[in-house]
């Protein structure tokens, strides 16, 4: 199935930004929906963004404030920016009524990117950007990436060790769960929660059953992640431990030749919708620039030797 572009154009975040269009991709026979922003000239690289659990691709194209759109910002800096509804969300929800496991999602996403590359220029390669469970999928995809083209992986809202008691709250609803997902409400622009209704979707059954498995699986996945990796932890991240000792041990397990973590002040778990979203997104693009400047950028990499 070739890539299709919707006849309905998603409004840009501001009059001067690149238009953000709705598209579909074929991932091994599964139709994935998404949002795409392209620069006026051929792209220098492709940024692919994967949303977290219970969200959709629009997470990366926030409407409460123009500054919260990673897609528009990336396109204005010369990159093609594609946010994908992960398998089980958006268009594929009818094909996958119970969803799909996170490792299998990574395979479908990689197949969808192969579909994308058949009809669109991608520049020097691809940066995977993942938030929360989307970060898990991005790391799985990186660990299974074969050949050239992967520049790096930028993840937020995910660690490898639950914060005390957080694992007991996975899947629970109510005020506490809302606070865990968002943090203080003052961290977000006005109208965020009214407009976020269009971004929220149920977490598919198969995906929800795998959430608690990630700390056990991370040591198996990390050594095969050989592209540069950057982790970002929000100041008010309540799901995952982000103390220096835990983060250092997490990074040491990666097979990547270059990895580090950053802490974003005045941010909650959903940082791409918050007041500090633009700060975070600019750092994502700075990381992409660094990945492009590395020797052998986008080429297959050998495992890191400790």
Protein backbone atom coordinates (compact mmCIF):
# COMPACT_ATOMS: atom_id res chain seq x y z
CA UNK A 1 0.00 0.00 0.00
CA UNK A 2 1.55 3.35 -0.95
CA UNK A 3 1.68 6.32 1.38
CA UNK A 4 -1.51 8.33 1.23
CA UNK A 5 -2.02 11.96 2.13
CA UNK A 6 -5.36 13.01 3.50
CA UNK A 7 -7.39 15.53 1.60
CA UNK A 8 -8.06 17.18 4.94
CA UNK A 9 -5.12 19.27 6.09
CA UNK A 10 -4.53 19.58 9.83
CA UNK A 11 -4.25 23.30 10.67
CA UNK A 12 -0.75 24.61 11.26
CA UNK A 13 0.05 25.92 14.71
CA UNK A 14 0.63 29.46 13.43
CA UNK A 15 0.42 31.27 10.09
CA UNK A 16 4.19 31.14 9.56
CA UNK A 17 4.68 27.47 10.34
CA UNK A 18 4.84 24.53 7.96
CA UNK A 19 1.47 22.89 7.32
CA UNK A 20 0.90 19.65 9.19
CA UNK A 21 -0.89 17.06 7.05
CA UNK A 22 -2.68 13.85 7.94
CA UNK A 23 -1.20 10.82 6.18
CA UNK A 24 -1.39 7.02 6.25
CA UNK A 25 1.42 4.47 5.98
CA UNK A 26 1.53 0.76 5.33
CA UNK A 27 3.26 -1.29 8.01
CA UNK A 28 3.24 -4.92 6.89
CA UNK A 29 -0.40 -4.71 5.87
CA UNK A 30 -1.43 -2.59 8.85
CA UNK A 31 -2.56 0.92 7.99
CA UNK A 32 -1.04 3.49 10.33
CA UNK A 33 -2.26 7.07 10.50
CA UNK A 34 -0.04 10.00 11.33
CA UNK A 35 0.82 13.66 10.93
CA UNK A 36 3.53 15.01 8.65
CA UNK A 37 5.24 18.40 8.36
CA UNK A 38 7.80 18.98 5.60
CA UNK A 39 10.22 21.85 4.98
CA UNK A 40 10.05 23.93 1.83
CA UNK A 41 13.36 22.47 0.58
CA UNK A 42 14.53 18.83 0.59
CA UNK A 43 14.80 17.68 4.22
CA UNK A 44 18.16 17.36 5.92
CA UNK A 45 16.86 14.35 7.89
CA UNK A 46 13.64 12.69 9.03
CA UNK A 47 12.38 12.99 12.59
CA UNK A 48 9.90 10.24 13.55
CA UNK A 49 7.90 10.79 16.75
CA UNK A 50 6.10 8.02 18.69
CA UNK A 51 3.50 8.98 21.30
CA UNK A 52 2.95 7.47 24.73
CA UNK A 53 0.21 5.23 26.07
CA UNK A 54 -3.29 6.64 25.89
CA UNK A 55 -2.26 9.44 23.49
CA UNK A 56 -2.14 9.87 19.71
CA UNK A 57 0.21 11.43 17.15
CA UNK A 58 -1.26 14.87 17.88
CA UNK A 59 0.69 14.84 21.15
CA UNK A 60 3.57 16.22 19.09
CA UNK A 61 1.40 18.92 17.51
CA UNK A 62 -0.14 20.59 20.57
CA UNK A 63 -2.91 23.11 19.92
CA UNK A 64 -3.05 25.01 23.21
CA UNK A 65 0.10 26.98 22.31
CA UNK A 66 1.91 27.16 18.94
CA UNK A 67 5.18 26.61 20.80
CA UNK A 68 4.18 23.05 21.69
CA UNK A 69 4.33 21.67 18.13
CA UNK A 70 7.48 19.63 17.59
CA UNK A 71 6.34 18.94 14.01
CA UNK A 72 6.10 22.58 12.97
CA UNK A 73 9.35 23.51 14.71
CA UNK A 74 11.30 20.64 13.13
CA UNK A 75 10.01 21.49 9.65
CA UNK A 76 10.98 25.15 10.14
CA UNK A 77 14.53 23.95 10.85
CA UNK A 78 14.74 21.95 7.63
CA UNK A 79 13.66 18.50 8.78
CA UNK A 80 10.75 16.34 7.73
CA UNK A 81 8.78 15.52 10.89
CA UNK A 82 6.45 12.52 11.05
CA UNK A 83 4.36 11.65 14.12
CA UNK A 84 2.87 8.17 13.86
CA UNK A 85 -0.21 6.73 15.56
CA UNK A 86 1.34 3.57 16.97
CA UNK A 87 -0.28 0.20 16.11
CA UNK A 88 -3.58 -0.06 17.98
CA UNK A 89 -4.20 3.70 17.84
CA UNK A 90 -5.80 5.92 15.21
CA UNK A 91 -6.50 4.31 11.85
CA UNK A 92 -5.13 0.89 12.90
CA UNK A 93 -7.41 0.57 15.94
CA UNK A 94 -10.10 -1.16 13.86
CA UNK A 95 -7.56 -3.64 12.46
CA UNK A 96 -6.08 -4.29 15.89
CA UNK A 97 -9.01 -4.19 18.35
CA UNK A 98 -6.85 -5.49 21.22
CA UNK A 99 -3.73 -3.65 20.09
CA UNK A 100 -0.28 -5.13 19.64
CA UNK A 101 2.72 -5.89 21.85
CA UNK A 102 5.39 -3.22 22.10
CA UNK A 103 8.21 -5.20 20.40
CA UNK A 104 5.85 -6.12 17.55
CA UNK A 105 4.85 -2.46 17.26
CA UNK A 106 8.51 -1.62 16.66
CA UNK A 107 8.61 -4.01 13.69
CA UNK A 108 5.44 -2.51 12.19
CA UNK A 109 6.76 1.04 12.65
CA UNK A 110 10.03 0.14 10.92
CA UNK A 111 8.06 -1.38 8.04
CA UNK A 112 5.94 1.79 7.83
CA UNK A 113 9.10 3.88 7.62
CA UNK A 114 10.29 1.70 4.76
CA UNK A 115 6.96 2.53 3.08
CA UNK A 116 7.52 6.23 3.75
CA UNK A 117 11.01 6.18 2.22
CA UNK A 118 9.64 4.76 -1.04
CA UNK A 119 7.91 8.04 -1.88
CA UNK A 120 9.50 10.76 0.28
CA UNK A 121 13.04 12.11 0.70
CA UNK A 122 14.56 11.51 4.15
CA UNK A 123 17.86 13.33 3.96
CA UNK A 124 20.80 11.91 5.89
CA UNK A 125 18.78 9.48 8.00
CA UNK A 126 16.21 9.11 10.77
CA UNK A 127 16.00 10.28 14.37
CA UNK A 128 13.50 8.33 16.49
CA UNK A 129 11.77 10.40 19.16
CA UNK A 130 9.68 8.50 21.68
CA UNK A 131 7.63 9.59 24.66
CA UNK A 132 6.76 7.18 27.49
CA UNK A 133 5.64 3.87 25.92
CA UNK A 134 6.57 5.40 22.57
CA UNK A 135 10.10 5.58 23.97
CA UNK A 136 9.93 1.85 24.68
CA UNK A 137 8.91 1.24 21.06
CA UNK A 138 11.68 3.54 19.81
CA UNK A 139 14.31 1.62 21.82
CA UNK A 140 12.94 -1.71 20.58
CA UNK A 141 13.05 -0.39 16.99
CA UNK A 142 16.62 0.81 17.43
CA UNK A 143 17.72 -2.55 18.86
CA UNK A 144 16.31 -4.29 15.78
CA UNK A 145 17.45 -1.73 13.21
CA UNK A 146 19.41 -3.28 10.38
CA UNK A 147 21.44 -1.46 7.80
CA UNK A 148 21.97 2.28 7.57
CA UNK A 149 19.80 5.28 8.24
CA UNK A 150 19.36 5.49 12.03
CA UNK A 151 20.93 8.68 13.35
CA UNK A 152 19.87 8.44 17.00
CA UNK A 153 17.12 7.89 19.55
CA UNK A 154 15.69 10.63 21.78
CA UNK A 155 13.34 9.46 24.53
CA UNK A 156 11.45 11.12 27.36
CA UNK A 157 9.02 10.01 30.04
CA UNK A 158 10.61 6.58 30.42
CA UNK A 159 13.29 5.03 32.61
CA UNK A 160 14.18 1.51 33.63
CA UNK A 161 13.15 1.55 37.31
CA UNK A 162 9.72 2.48 38.68
CA UNK A 163 9.53 5.29 41.18
CA UNK A 164 8.50 3.99 44.62
CA UNK A 165 4.92 2.72 44.40
CA UNK A 166 4.41 3.82 40.80
CA UNK A 167 4.16 0.26 39.52
CA UNK A 168 1.14 -0.25 41.78
CA UNK A 169 -0.68 2.59 40.03
CA UNK A 170 -0.25 1.40 36.44
CA UNK A 171 -3.65 1.14 34.81
CA UNK A 172 -5.51 2.83 37.66
CA UNK A 173 -7.79 5.79 36.98
CA UNK A 174 -8.81 8.76 39.07
CA UNK A 175 -7.19 11.91 40.40
CA UNK A 176 -3.97 10.25 41.45
CA UNK A 177 -3.46 8.74 38.01
CA UNK A 178 -4.15 12.15 36.40
CA UNK A 179 -1.56 13.77 38.68
CA UNK A 180 0.95 11.03 37.84
CA UNK A 181 0.47 11.56 34.10
CA UNK A 182 0.50 15.33 34.10
CA UNK A 183 2.04 16.71 37.29
CA UNK A 184 1.01 20.20 38.50
CA UNK A 185 -1.61 21.75 36.22
CA UNK A 186 0.25 25.08 36.21
CA UNK A 187 2.96 23.48 34.08
CA UNK A 188 0.65 23.53 31.03
CA UNK A 189 -0.71 26.40 28.88
CA UNK A 190 -4.37 27.43 29.26
CA UNK A 191 -6.85 25.21 27.37
CA UNK A 192 -4.40 22.27 27.35
CA UNK A 193 -6.82 19.90 29.05
CA UNK A 194 -9.85 21.05 27.04
CA UNK A 195 -8.01 20.57 23.77
CA UNK A 196 -6.25 17.39 24.88
CA UNK A 197 -9.49 15.42 24.61
CA UNK A 198 -8.79 15.00 20.88
CA UNK A 199 -5.35 13.56 21.67
CA UNK A 200 -6.42 10.94 24.20
CA UNK A 201 -7.28 7.35 23.26
CA UNK A 202 -7.79 4.13 25.24
CA UNK A 203 -4.66 2.08 25.91
CA UNK A 204 -5.06 -1.14 23.90
CA UNK A 205 -5.31 -4.35 25.91
CA UNK A 206 -2.12 -6.04 24.71
CA UNK A 207 -0.08 -2.90 25.30
CA UNK A 208 -1.45 -2.42 28.81
CA UNK A 209 -0.46 -5.98 29.75
CA UNK A 210 3.18 -5.26 28.87
CA UNK A 211 3.70 -1.99 30.74
CA UNK A 212 5.01 -3.61 33.90
CA UNK A 213 7.46 -5.77 31.91
CA UNK A 214 9.74 -2.93 30.78
CA UNK A 215 12.17 -2.86 33.76
CA UNK A 216 12.73 -6.59 33.23
CA UNK A 217 13.14 -6.27 29.45
CA UNK A 218 15.36 -3.18 29.38
CA UNK A 219 18.61 -5.09 30.16
CA UNK A 220 17.84 -7.38 27.22
CA UNK A 221 17.07 -4.54 24.77
CA UNK A 222 19.67 -1.96 25.79
CA UNK A 223 22.88 -3.73 24.64
CA UNK A 224 21.53 -3.91 21.08
CA UNK A 225 20.77 -0.17 20.96
CA UNK A 226 23.87 1.06 19.13
CA UNK A 227 22.80 4.49 17.90
CA UNK A 228 23.37 7.63 20.02
CA UNK A 229 20.71 7.95 22.73
CA UNK A 230 19.47 10.88 24.83
CA UNK A 231 17.06 10.51 27.76
CA UNK A 232 15.08 13.42 29.20
CA UNK A 233 13.45 13.32 32.64
CA UNK A 234 10.91 15.96 33.63
CA UNK A 235 11.38 17.63 37.00
CA UNK A 236 7.93 16.38 38.02
CA UNK A 237 8.28 12.88 36.56
CA UNK A 238 6.45 10.63 39.03
CA UNK A 239 6.47 7.28 37.23
CA UNK A 240 10.21 6.65 36.91
CA UNK A 241 13.29 7.00 39.09
CA UNK A 242 15.68 9.62 37.77
CA UNK A 243 18.30 9.86 40.52
CA UNK A 244 21.88 10.03 39.21
CA UNK A 245 22.85 6.52 40.31
CA UNK A 246 19.84 4.87 38.66
CA UNK A 247 20.24 6.85 35.43
CA UNK A 248 23.98 6.17 35.25
CA UNK A 249 23.39 2.43 35.60
CA UNK A 250 20.65 2.61 32.95
CA UNK A 251 22.92 4.36 30.43
CA UNK A 252 25.78 1.93 31.06
CA UNK A 253 23.67 -0.93 29.76
CA UNK A 254 23.26 0.64 26.31
CA UNK A 255 25.37 -0.54 23.40
CA UNK A 256 25.46 3.04 22.15
CA UNK A 257 28.81 4.81 21.69
CA UNK A 258 27.18 8.05 22.89
CA UNK A 259 24.46 8.40 25.50
CA UNK A 260 23.45 10.85 28.18
CA UNK A 261 20.47 12.13 30.13
CA UNK A 262 19.06 15.57 30.86
CA UNK A 263 16.61 16.95 33.38
CA UNK A 264 13.95 19.45 32.29
CA UNK A 265 12.86 21.85 35.01
CA UNK A 266 9.26 23.07 35.32
CA UNK A 267 7.98 20.07 33.36
CA UNK A 268 5.59 17.20 34.04
CA UNK A 269 5.41 13.76 32.43
CA UNK A 270 3.72 15.05 29.24
CA UNK A 271 6.50 17.52 28.49
CA UNK A 272 5.64 18.07 24.81
CA UNK A 273 2.33 19.64 25.85
CA UNK A 274 3.74 21.80 28.65
CA UNK A 275 5.03 25.34 28.93
CA UNK A 276 8.60 24.08 28.54
CA UNK A 277 7.79 22.06 25.42
CA UNK A 278 9.68 24.40 23.10
CA UNK A 279 12.78 24.18 25.30
CA UNK A 280 12.62 20.39 25.13
CA UNK A 281 11.95 20.33 21.38
CA UNK A 282 14.87 22.65 20.68
CA UNK A 283 17.09 20.27 22.63
CA UNK A 284 15.76 17.37 20.55
CA UNK A 285 16.78 19.23 17.40
CA UNK A 286 20.17 20.13 18.92
CA UNK A 287 20.67 16.41 19.57
CA UNK A 288 19.73 15.69 15.96
CA UNK A 289 22.29 18.24 14.80
CA UNK A 290 24.93 16.54 16.94
CA UNK A 291 24.01 13.13 15.54
CA UNK A 292 24.37 14.48 12.00
CA UNK A 293 27.87 15.78 12.79
CA UNK A 294 29.19 12.47 14.13
CA UNK A 295 31.59 10.48 11.94
CA UNK A 296 29.69 7.76 10.09
CA UNK A 297 26.30 9.28 10.98
CA UNK A 298 23.48 6.91 10.03
CA UNK A 299 25.82 3.98 9.33
CA UNK A 300 25.59 0.61 11.11
CA UNK A 301 27.47 0.69 14.41
CA UNK A 302 29.34 -1.96 16.35
CA UNK A 303 28.47 -2.68 19.96
CA UNK A 304 30.09 -0.56 22.66
CA UNK A 305 32.97 -2.23 24.46
CA UNK A 306 33.00 -1.65 28.23
